[in-house]
Amino acid sequence: MWTIGVDEAGRGPVLGPLVVGAVALPTADLEILVRHGVKDSKDLTDKKRKQLVDWFHEQSNQRGWKYSLIECGPARVDNGVQTTGLNLLEVELFAEALIQIRQQVDQPVHVINDACDVNEQRFTDRIAARLPQWPWKDSTIHSEHKADATFPIVGMASILAKVERDNRIEQISQDVGIPLGSGYPSDPNTKAALPNLLVDSEPHPALRWSWKTVTRAWNEKYGVDPPKRTYKDGQQKTLF
């Protein structure tokens, strides 16, 4: 029996990707995460998160642990918000991460999702409906609010997702030549950077154009709403 934890990072920021991480390991190995201090990424320093990611990759090489990361770019986030809504977009991303794990783990699994939906069972059912041949043999799936704080394996998934997102924000910051902060609208560095990302005929591609923060800033600068964004399937990355 294997256990899989799934979580996301970057649901609320005004720029950068939304990243979903999934971690899978033999259930007998779960105690190793506990002993090593794995917990919700929000309760860890940036330095500690990076150390845990390095440690996880070492353990994965030694023990055969598996993971997947689904990077959903701003264009797909905007498309999701404007069509099905953010919760259903996360359902799709969680399912994609689990499908990638399933390609690596052909064993009975117990899946634990960090639920973003107020209705945990609905979140579970929607993900399960998108998994090919579900129910998998001798496997179960459930979702909980704050699962990243309750289950270390979900915490590990949140850490992988958070560090991956932070790395992408740093890359974008280097590309544009200014500090972008965390990407959250309340971050002073993000606030200061926003006008510099609105200087062309349309908002910078790293921004989420559908966010009220962008709409308001664009309207204040140009007197009109920002242009509608187009999206083509395949504008996300999968890493595992």
Protein backbone atom coordinates (compact mmCIF):
# COMPACT_ATOMS: atom_id res chain seq x y z
CA MET A 1 0.00 0.00 0.00
CA TRP A 2 1.18 3.49 -0.92
CA THR A 3 -0.04 6.86 0.34
CA ILE A 4 -0.34 9.93 -1.88
CA GLY A 5 -0.63 13.51 -0.65
CA VAL A 6 -1.74 16.35 -2.93
CA ASP A 7 -1.69 20.10 -2.34
CA GLU A 8 -1.27 23.39 -4.19
CA ALA A 9 0.66 26.63 -3.88
CA GLY A 10 -0.22 29.95 -5.45
CA ARG A 11 -4.01 30.03 -5.53
CA GLY A 12 -4.31 33.69 -4.53
CA PRO A 13 -1.35 35.62 -6.01
CA VAL A 14 -1.79 38.16 -8.77
CA LEU A 15 1.17 36.84 -10.74
CA GLY A 16 2.97 33.60 -11.47
CA PRO A 17 1.76 30.02 -11.74
CA LEU A 18 -0.50 27.94 -9.56
CA VAL A 19 1.47 24.76 -8.78
CA VAL A 20 0.00 21.46 -7.63
CA GLY A 21 2.30 18.91 -6.03
CA ALA A 22 1.67 15.22 -5.39
CA VAL A 23 3.92 12.99 -3.29
CA ALA A 24 3.72 9.19 -3.14
CA LEU A 25 5.57 6.77 -0.89
CA PRO A 26 5.00 3.39 0.70
CA THR A 27 2.71 3.80 3.69
CA ALA A 28 5.38 2.18 5.86
CA ASP A 29 7.66 5.16 5.10
CA LEU A 30 5.28 7.85 6.38
CA GLU A 31 6.98 7.89 9.76
CA ILE A 32 10.19 9.05 8.08
CA LEU A 33 8.46 12.30 7.13
CA VAL A 34 7.33 12.80 10.71
CA ARG A 35 10.80 12.17 12.12
CA HIS A 36 12.34 14.64 9.68
CA GLY A 37 9.99 17.46 10.65
CA VAL A 38 7.92 17.67 7.49
CA LYS A 39 4.83 19.85 7.96
CA ASP A 40 2.75 22.51 6.27
CA SER A 41 4.96 24.69 4.06
CA LYS A 42 3.42 27.84 5.56
CA ASP A 43 4.91 26.93 8.95
CA LEU A 44 8.46 26.69 7.59
CA THR A 45 11.09 29.23 6.61
CA ASP A 46 12.17 29.53 3.01
CA LYS A 47 15.54 28.02 3.94
CA LYS A 48 13.92 25.04 5.67
CA ARG A 49 11.58 24.39 2.74
CA LYS A 50 14.51 24.27 0.33
CA GLN A 51 16.41 21.94 2.66
CA LEU A 52 13.42 19.61 2.84
CA VAL A 53 13.09 19.58 -0.95
CA ASP A 54 16.74 18.56 -1.28
CA TRP A 55 16.26 15.92 1.42
CA PHE A 56 13.12 14.61 -0.29
CA HIS A 57 14.93 14.16 -3.60
CA GLU A 58 17.74 12.29 -1.85
CA GLN A 59 15.22 10.00 -0.18
CA SER A 60 13.36 9.55 -3.46
CA ASN A 61 16.54 8.33 -5.13
CA GLN A 62 17.29 5.95 -2.28
CA ARG A 63 13.79 4.70 -1.50
CA GLY A 64 11.95 5.04 -4.78
CA TRP A 65 9.54 7.71 -3.61
CA LYS A 66 7.58 9.43 -6.39
CA TYR A 67 6.24 12.90 -7.01
CA SER A 68 4.71 15.08 -9.69
CA LEU A 69 4.37 18.83 -10.10
CA ILE A 70 1.77 20.44 -12.33
CA GLU A 71 2.55 24.06 -13.15
CA CYS A 72 -0.53 25.96 -14.27
CA GLY A 73 0.45 29.23 -15.90
CA PRO A 74 -1.41 32.53 -15.50
CA ALA A 75 -3.21 32.18 -18.85
CA ARG A 76 -4.75 28.87 -17.80
CA VAL A 77 -5.59 30.29 -14.37
CA ASP A 78 -7.41 33.19 -16.05
CA ASN A 79 -9.22 30.80 -18.37
CA GLY A 80 -10.32 28.68 -15.43
CA VAL A 81 -11.54 31.65 -13.42
CA GLN A 82 -13.52 32.98 -16.38
CA THR A 83 -15.08 29.63 -17.35
CA THR A 84 -15.50 26.92 -14.71
CA GLY A 85 -14.15 28.77 -11.68
CA LEU A 86 -11.00 28.38 -9.62
CA ASN A 87 -12.23 25.39 -7.59
CA LEU A 88 -12.92 23.29 -10.68
CA LEU A 89 -9.57 24.31 -12.14
CA GLU A 90 -7.92 22.94 -9.01
CA VAL A 91 -9.92 19.73 -9.40
CA GLU A 92 -8.45 19.34 -12.89
CA LEU A 93 -4.92 20.04 -11.67
CA PHE A 94 -5.18 17.65 -8.71
CA ALA A 95 -6.42 14.94 -11.07
CA GLU A 96 -3.57 15.61 -13.50
CA ALA A 97 -1.03 15.29 -10.68
CA LEU A 98 -2.58 12.00 -9.56
CA ILE A 99 -2.60 10.63 -13.09
CA GLN A 100 1.12 11.38 -13.34
CA ILE A 101 1.70 9.56 -10.05
CA ARG A 102 -0.37 6.61 -11.22
CA GLN A 103 1.95 6.22 -14.19
CA GLN A 104 4.77 5.69 -11.70
CA VAL A 105 3.01 3.69 -8.96
CA ASP A 106 1.06 0.57 -9.88
CA GLN A 107 0.06 -0.32 -6.33
CA PRO A 108 -3.04 0.16 -4.16
CA VAL A 109 -3.02 3.74 -2.89
CA HIS A 110 -4.68 5.92 -0.29
CA VAL A 111 -5.00 9.48 -1.62
CA ILE A 112 -5.25 12.49 0.68
CA ASN A 113 -6.11 15.86 -0.89
CA ASP A 114 -6.02 19.27 0.74
CA ALA A 115 -9.55 20.42 -0.08
CA CYS A 116 -10.09 23.91 -1.46
CA ASP A 117 -13.85 23.39 -1.78
CA VAL A 118 -15.98 24.14 1.29
CA ASN A 119 -17.54 20.73 0.62
CA GLU A 120 -14.78 18.17 1.12
CA GLN A 121 -16.75 15.25 -0.30
CA ARG A 122 -17.70 17.17 -3.43
CA PHE A 123 -14.01 17.97 -3.99
CA THR A 124 -13.17 14.27 -3.59
CA ASP A 125 -15.92 13.13 -5.94
CA ARG A 126 -14.97 15.62 -8.64
CA ILE A 127 -11.32 14.53 -8.60
CA ALA A 128 -12.22 10.83 -8.60
CA ALA A 129 -14.49 11.38 -11.61
CA ARG A 130 -11.48 12.58 -13.58
CA LEU A 131 -9.21 9.62 -12.75
CA PRO A 132 -9.10 6.93 -15.47
CA GLN A 133 -10.45 3.54 -14.33
CA TRP A 134 -11.24 4.83 -10.85
CA PRO A 135 -11.72 3.18 -8.39
CA TRP A 136 -8.25 1.69 -8.71
CA LYS A 137 -7.87 -1.74 -7.15
CA ASP A 138 -7.93 -1.63 -3.32
CA SER A 139 -7.51 2.16 -3.39
CA THR A 140 -9.25 5.02 -1.57
CA ILE A 141 -9.39 8.79 -1.86
CA HIS A 142 -10.54 11.52 0.47
CA SER A 143 -10.09 15.25 0.99
CA GLU A 144 -9.79 17.41 4.08
CA HIS A 145 -9.47 21.08 4.85
CA LYS A 146 -6.00 21.96 6.15
CA ALA A 147 -4.73 18.47 5.28
CA ASP A 148 -1.27 19.98 4.82
CA ALA A 149 -1.20 20.72 8.55
CA THR A 150 -2.62 17.32 9.53
CA PHE A 151 -0.80 14.88 7.26
CA PRO A 152 2.97 15.22 6.72
CA ILE A 153 2.72 13.67 3.26
CA VAL A 154 0.35 16.45 2.20
CA GLY A 155 2.70 18.90 3.89
CA MET A 156 5.54 17.51 1.75
CA ALA A 157 3.43 18.03 -1.37
CA SER A 158 2.79 21.62 -0.30
CA ILE A 159 6.52 22.17 0.23
CA LEU A 160 7.42 20.88 -3.24
CA ALA A 161 4.71 23.03 -4.81
CA LYS A 162 5.69 26.13 -2.84
CA VAL A 163 9.41 25.88 -3.64
CA GLU A 164 8.66 25.24 -7.32
CA ARG A 165 6.42 28.31 -7.45
CA ASP A 166 8.99 30.45 -5.60
CA ASN A 167 11.63 29.38 -8.11
CA ARG A 168 9.39 30.41 -10.98
CA ILE A 169 8.71 33.81 -9.39
CA GLU A 170 12.45 34.33 -9.00
CA GLN A 171 12.97 33.46 -12.68
CA ILE A 172 10.26 35.92 -13.73
CA SER A 173 11.80 38.58 -11.48
CA GLN A 174 15.17 38.09 -13.16
CA ASP A 175 13.54 38.24 -16.60
CA VAL A 176 11.81 41.58 -15.93
CA GLY A 177 14.72 42.98 -13.93
CA ILE A 178 12.81 44.04 -10.82
CA PRO A 179 11.92 42.33 -7.52
CA LEU A 180 8.38 40.93 -7.61
CA GLY A 181 7.99 39.82 -4.02
CA SER A 182 5.74 36.85 -3.35
CA GLY A 183 3.17 37.74 -5.98
CA TYR A 184 0.40 38.31 -3.44
CA PRO A 185 -1.48 41.61 -3.88
CA SER A 186 -0.72 42.61 -0.28
CA ASP A 187 3.06 42.23 -0.72
CA PRO A 188 4.72 45.71 -0.88
CA ASN A 189 7.25 44.52 -3.48
CA THR A 190 4.46 43.10 -5.63
CA LYS A 191 2.49 46.33 -5.33
CA ALA A 192 5.53 48.36 -6.32
CA ALA A 193 6.26 46.11 -9.30
CA LEU A 194 2.73 46.05 -10.71
CA PRO A 195 2.87 49.37 -12.66
CA ASN A 196 6.02 48.15 -14.41
CA LEU A 197 4.10 45.11 -15.67
CA LEU A 198 1.39 47.24 -17.30
CA VAL A 199 3.45 49.26 -19.79
CA ASP A 200 2.72 47.40 -23.04
CA SER A 201 -0.45 47.02 -25.08
CA GLU A 202 -1.58 44.31 -22.70
CA PRO A 203 -0.63 43.23 -19.16
CA HIS A 204 2.57 41.24 -18.72
CA PRO A 205 2.00 37.51 -19.41
CA ALA A 206 3.14 36.62 -15.88
CA LEU A 207 0.14 38.49 -14.46
CA ARG A 208 -3.30 37.03 -13.90
CA TRP A 209 -5.35 39.42 -15.97
CA SER A 210 -8.66 38.33 -14.42
CA TRP A 211 -7.60 39.40 -10.92
CA LYS A 212 -9.34 42.54 -9.65
CA THR A 213 -5.94 43.96 -8.71
CA VAL A 214 -4.85 43.94 -12.36
CA THR A 215 -8.19 45.16 -13.69
CA ARG A 216 -8.22 48.07 -11.24
CA ALA A 217 -4.59 49.07 -11.92
CA TRP A 218 -5.05 48.85 -15.70
CA ASN A 219 -8.25 50.89 -15.51
CA GLU A 220 -6.57 53.56 -13.40
CA LYS A 221 -3.72 53.82 -15.90
CA TYR A 222 -5.61 53.60 -19.21
CA GLY A 223 -9.24 54.31 -18.35
CA VAL A 224 -10.48 50.98 -19.74
CA ASP A 225 -10.56 47.36 -18.63
CA PRO A 226 -7.59 45.18 -19.69
CA PRO A 227 -8.00 43.16 -22.90
CA LYS A 228 -9.48 39.69 -22.71
CA ARG A 229 -6.90 36.95 -22.55
CA THR A 230 -6.76 34.04 -24.97
CA TYR A 231 -5.71 30.58 -23.85
CA LYS A 232 -4.53 27.51 -25.74
CA ASP A 233 -4.48 24.04 -24.21
CA GLY A 234 -1.06 22.83 -23.19
CA GLN A 235 0.09 26.04 -21.52
CA GLN A 236 1.31 24.31 -18.39
CA LYS A 237 4.28 22.22 -17.36
CA THR A 238 4.47 18.77 -15.83
CA LEU A 239 7.52 17.78 -13.80
CA PHE A 240 8.18 14.41 -12.18
